[in-house]
Amino acid sequence: MKKKEKRNGKGEERGRKEKKMAENQEGHVPSFWGLVNSAWNLCSVGKRQSPVNIETSHMIFDPFLTPLRINTGGRKVRHNATMLLP
C-alpha cells in the first residue's frame, strides 16, 4: 500500500492531477499554470501562462534559423515558435 503524499494540504488527489498534466503525451499544457503549483502563482495574475520566465526583450527573430531537433526518446513534442536566447 502506498503512503499518501501531501502536497499543499490537498493530498494524493492533487499529486495525481499534477502528474497527469506533466505526462500529457499530446504536448498540451494547462492554461492555468498558477493553479497547478503554488510556486507558479504569479502565472495566474498576468498575461503569460508559463512557469518559465521568458524575457522577450532578449529574443531575436531570425527567419533563417534551421528547424530545431530534439531527441525525445520516442515521445511526441509540439512547439510553435523558434527563438534564440543570448
N, C-alpha and C. Protein backbone atom coordinates (compact mmCIF):
# COMPACT_ATOMS: atom_id res chain seq x y z
N MET A 1 0.84 -1.17 0.00
CA MET A 1 0.00 0.00 0.00
C MET A 1 0.89 1.25 0.00
N LYS A 2 0.58 2.20 -0.89
CA LYS A 2 1.38 3.43 -0.98
C LYS A 2 0.97 4.41 0.10
N LYS A 3 1.96 5.10 0.62
CA LYS A 3 1.71 6.13 1.61
C LYS A 3 1.16 7.37 0.90
N LYS A 4 0.16 8.02 1.49
CA LYS A 4 -0.41 9.23 0.89
C LYS A 4 0.63 10.34 0.91
N GLU A 5 0.76 11.00 -0.24
CA GLU A 5 1.70 12.11 -0.36
C GLU A 5 0.94 13.42 -0.26
N LYS A 6 1.31 14.23 0.72
CA LYS A 6 0.64 15.52 0.90
C LYS A 6 1.31 16.57 0.03
N ARG A 7 0.51 17.35 -0.68
CA ARG A 7 1.00 18.47 -1.48
C ARG A 7 0.13 19.66 -1.17
N ASN A 8 0.70 20.62 -0.49
CA ASN A 8 -0.03 21.83 -0.13
C ASN A 8 -1.35 21.52 0.57
N GLY A 9 -1.39 20.46 1.37
CA GLY A 9 -2.59 20.13 2.12
C GLY A 9 -3.69 19.50 1.29
N LYS A 10 -3.50 19.27 0.03
CA LYS A 10 -4.55 18.73 -0.84
C LYS A 10 -4.48 17.21 -0.96
N GLY A 11 -3.35 16.63 -0.55
CA GLY A 11 -3.24 15.19 -0.55
C GLY A 11 -2.92 14.57 -1.89
N GLU A 12 -3.19 13.28 -1.96
CA GLU A 12 -2.83 12.47 -3.13
C GLU A 12 -3.56 12.90 -4.40
N GLU A 13 -4.79 13.36 -4.28
CA GLU A 13 -5.58 13.75 -5.46
C GLU A 13 -4.87 14.82 -6.28
N ARG A 14 -4.37 15.85 -5.62
CA ARG A 14 -3.67 16.92 -6.34
C ARG A 14 -2.39 16.39 -6.97
N GLY A 15 -1.68 15.52 -6.27
CA GLY A 15 -0.47 14.93 -6.82
C GLY A 15 -0.74 14.18 -8.11
N ARG A 16 -1.84 13.43 -8.15
CA ARG A 16 -2.21 12.69 -9.37
C ARG A 16 -2.53 13.65 -10.50
N LYS A 17 -3.24 14.75 -10.21
CA LYS A 17 -3.59 15.72 -11.25
C LYS A 17 -2.34 16.37 -11.82
N GLU A 18 -1.40 16.76 -10.95
CA GLU A 18 -0.17 17.38 -11.42
C GLU A 18 0.62 16.41 -12.30
N LYS A 19 0.71 15.16 -11.86
CA LYS A 19 1.46 14.17 -12.62
C LYS A 19 0.80 13.92 -13.97
N LYS A 20 -0.53 13.84 -14.00
CA LYS A 20 -1.24 13.60 -15.25
C LYS A 20 -0.99 14.74 -16.23
N MET A 21 -1.04 15.99 -15.76
CA MET A 21 -0.78 17.12 -16.64
C MET A 21 0.65 17.11 -17.14
N ALA A 22 1.60 16.77 -16.28
CA ALA A 22 3.01 16.77 -16.66
C ALA A 22 3.32 15.67 -17.66
N GLU A 23 2.59 14.57 -17.62
CA GLU A 23 2.86 13.44 -18.50
C GLU A 23 2.00 13.42 -19.75
N ASN A 24 1.24 14.48 -20.00
CA ASN A 24 0.34 14.53 -21.15
C ASN A 24 1.12 14.27 -22.43
N GLN A 25 0.81 13.19 -23.13
CA GLN A 25 1.54 12.77 -24.32
C GLN A 25 1.32 13.67 -25.52
N GLU A 26 0.26 14.42 -25.55
CA GLU A 26 -0.05 15.25 -26.72
C GLU A 26 0.66 16.59 -26.69
N GLY A 27 1.35 16.91 -25.64
CA GLY A 27 2.09 18.16 -25.57
C GLY A 27 1.27 19.35 -25.13
N HIS A 28 0.01 19.14 -24.76
CA HIS A 28 -0.82 20.24 -24.29
C HIS A 28 -0.42 20.60 -22.87
N VAL A 29 -0.48 21.87 -22.56
CA VAL A 29 -0.19 22.32 -21.21
C VAL A 29 -1.42 23.01 -20.64
N PRO A 30 -1.57 23.00 -19.34
CA PRO A 30 -2.75 23.64 -18.76
C PRO A 30 -2.72 25.15 -18.98
N SER A 31 -3.90 25.74 -19.14
CA SER A 31 -3.98 27.19 -19.33
C SER A 31 -4.06 27.89 -17.98
N PHE A 32 -3.80 27.16 -16.92
CA PHE A 32 -3.91 27.72 -15.57
C PHE A 32 -2.71 27.28 -14.73
N TRP A 33 -1.50 27.56 -15.20
CA TRP A 33 -0.28 27.13 -14.51
C TRP A 33 -0.28 27.52 -13.03
N GLY A 34 -0.79 28.69 -12.72
CA GLY A 34 -0.77 29.16 -11.33
C GLY A 34 -1.55 28.29 -10.38
N LEU A 35 -2.49 27.51 -10.89
CA LEU A 35 -3.27 26.61 -10.03
C LEU A 35 -2.64 25.23 -9.93
N VAL A 36 -1.72 24.92 -10.83
CA VAL A 36 -1.08 23.60 -10.84
C VAL A 36 -0.08 23.49 -9.69
N ASN A 37 0.66 24.55 -9.44
CA ASN A 37 1.69 24.52 -8.42
C ASN A 37 1.72 25.89 -7.75
N SER A 38 1.68 25.94 -6.44
CA SER A 38 1.64 27.22 -5.74
C SER A 38 2.90 28.06 -5.99
N ALA A 39 4.00 27.43 -6.36
CA ALA A 39 5.23 28.17 -6.68
C ALA A 39 5.07 29.00 -7.95
N TRP A 40 4.08 28.68 -8.77
CA TRP A 40 3.85 29.38 -10.03
C TRP A 40 2.64 30.31 -9.94
N ASN A 41 2.25 30.74 -8.75
CA ASN A 41 1.02 31.50 -8.58
C ASN A 41 1.01 32.82 -9.34
N LEU A 42 2.15 33.42 -9.64
CA LEU A 42 2.17 34.66 -10.42
C LEU A 42 1.68 34.45 -11.84
N CYS A 43 1.71 33.22 -12.33
CA CYS A 43 1.20 32.93 -13.68
C CYS A 43 -0.31 33.15 -13.76
N SER A 44 -0.98 33.15 -12.63
CA SER A 44 -2.44 33.33 -12.61
C SER A 44 -2.85 34.79 -12.74
N VAL A 45 -1.95 35.70 -12.42
CA VAL A 45 -2.33 37.11 -12.41
C VAL A 45 -1.89 37.88 -13.65
N GLY A 46 -1.02 37.30 -14.45
CA GLY A 46 -0.51 38.00 -15.63
C GLY A 46 -1.10 37.48 -16.92
N LYS A 47 -0.53 37.93 -18.02
CA LYS A 47 -0.99 37.52 -19.34
C LYS A 47 -0.25 36.28 -19.83
N ARG A 48 0.90 36.03 -19.27
CA ARG A 48 1.72 34.89 -19.70
C ARG A 48 1.38 33.68 -18.85
N GLN A 49 1.15 32.55 -19.48
CA GLN A 49 0.75 31.34 -18.77
C GLN A 49 1.86 30.30 -18.82
N SER A 50 3.02 30.62 -18.28
CA SER A 50 4.13 29.69 -18.27
C SER A 50 4.93 29.85 -16.99
N PRO A 51 5.40 28.74 -16.40
CA PRO A 51 6.25 28.86 -15.22
C PRO A 51 7.67 29.25 -15.59
N VAL A 52 7.97 29.37 -16.88
CA VAL A 52 9.30 29.74 -17.35
C VAL A 52 9.33 31.25 -17.53
N ASN A 53 10.35 31.90 -16.99
CA ASN A 53 10.48 33.35 -17.10
C ASN A 53 11.12 33.69 -18.46
N ILE A 54 10.31 34.00 -19.45
CA ILE A 54 10.79 34.31 -20.79
C ILE A 54 10.92 35.83 -20.90
N GLU A 55 12.14 36.30 -21.07
CA GLU A 55 12.39 37.73 -21.23
C GLU A 55 12.32 38.06 -22.72
N THR A 56 11.19 38.57 -23.17
CA THR A 56 11.01 38.83 -24.60
C THR A 56 11.94 39.92 -25.12
N SER A 57 12.46 40.77 -24.25
CA SER A 57 13.39 41.80 -24.69
C SER A 57 14.72 41.20 -25.16
N HIS A 58 15.00 39.95 -24.77
CA HIS A 58 16.23 39.28 -25.18
C HIS A 58 16.03 38.40 -26.42
N MET A 59 14.82 38.33 -26.92
CA MET A 59 14.53 37.46 -28.06
C MET A 59 14.87 38.17 -29.37
N ILE A 60 15.39 37.39 -30.32
CA ILE A 60 15.73 37.90 -31.65
C ILE A 60 15.06 37.01 -32.68
N PHE A 61 14.32 37.61 -33.60
CA PHE A 61 13.69 36.85 -34.67
C PHE A 61 14.70 36.65 -35.79
N ASP A 62 14.89 35.41 -36.21
CA ASP A 62 15.80 35.10 -37.32
C ASP A 62 15.08 34.15 -38.26
N PRO A 63 14.61 34.65 -39.42
CA PRO A 63 13.86 33.81 -40.36
C PRO A 63 14.72 32.73 -41.02
N PHE A 64 16.04 32.78 -40.84
CA PHE A 64 16.94 31.82 -41.49
C PHE A 64 17.37 30.69 -40.56
N LEU A 65 16.83 30.65 -39.36
CA LEU A 65 17.17 29.55 -38.45
C LEU A 65 16.66 28.24 -39.01
N THR A 66 17.45 27.20 -38.82
CA THR A 66 17.03 25.86 -39.26
C THR A 66 16.11 25.26 -38.21
N PRO A 67 15.33 24.25 -38.58
CA PRO A 67 14.41 23.63 -37.61
C PRO A 67 15.17 23.06 -36.40
N LEU A 68 14.55 23.15 -35.27
CA LEU A 68 15.09 22.63 -34.03
C LEU A 68 14.91 21.12 -34.00
N ARG A 69 15.95 20.40 -33.63
CA ARG A 69 15.87 18.95 -33.50
C ARG A 69 16.09 18.58 -32.04
N ILE A 70 15.17 17.81 -31.50
CA ILE A 70 15.25 17.40 -30.10
C ILE A 70 15.09 15.89 -30.03
N ASN A 71 16.01 15.23 -29.32
CA ASN A 71 15.89 13.80 -29.10
C ASN A 71 15.00 13.59 -27.89
N THR A 72 13.80 13.09 -28.12
CA THR A 72 12.84 12.92 -27.03
C THR A 72 12.68 11.46 -26.61
N GLY A 73 13.53 10.61 -27.11
CA GLY A 73 13.42 9.20 -26.74
C GLY A 73 12.15 8.56 -27.25
N GLY A 74 11.61 9.03 -28.38
CA GLY A 74 10.41 8.45 -28.95
C GLY A 74 9.12 9.12 -28.53
N ARG A 75 9.17 10.07 -27.60
CA ARG A 75 7.96 10.77 -27.15
C ARG A 75 7.67 11.94 -28.08
N LYS A 76 6.40 12.25 -28.28
CA LYS A 76 5.99 13.36 -29.14
C LYS A 76 6.16 14.68 -28.41
N VAL A 77 6.61 15.70 -29.15
CA VAL A 77 6.77 17.04 -28.60
C VAL A 77 6.20 18.03 -29.61
N ARG A 78 5.42 18.99 -29.15
CA ARG A 78 4.90 20.05 -30.02
C ARG A 78 5.55 21.37 -29.63
N HIS A 79 5.83 22.17 -30.64
CA HIS A 79 6.30 23.53 -30.38
C HIS A 79 5.74 24.43 -31.46
N ASN A 80 5.60 25.70 -31.17
CA ASN A 80 5.04 26.62 -32.15
C ASN A 80 5.85 27.89 -32.29
N ALA A 81 7.11 27.86 -31.89
CA ALA A 81 7.94 29.05 -32.01
C ALA A 81 9.40 28.67 -32.14
N THR A 82 10.17 29.56 -32.73
CA THR A 82 11.61 29.41 -32.81
C THR A 82 12.22 30.63 -32.15
N MET A 83 13.12 30.42 -31.21
CA MET A 83 13.74 31.57 -30.58
C MET A 83 15.19 31.27 -30.26
N LEU A 84 15.98 32.32 -30.21
CA LEU A 84 17.39 32.24 -29.89
C LEU A 84 17.65 33.16 -28.71
N LEU A 85 18.10 32.60 -27.61
CA LEU A 85 18.40 33.40 -26.43
C LEU A 85 19.90 33.57 -26.33
N PRO A 86 20.37 34.78 -25.95
CA PRO A 86 21.82 35.02 -25.86
C PRO A 86 22.47 34.17 -24.79
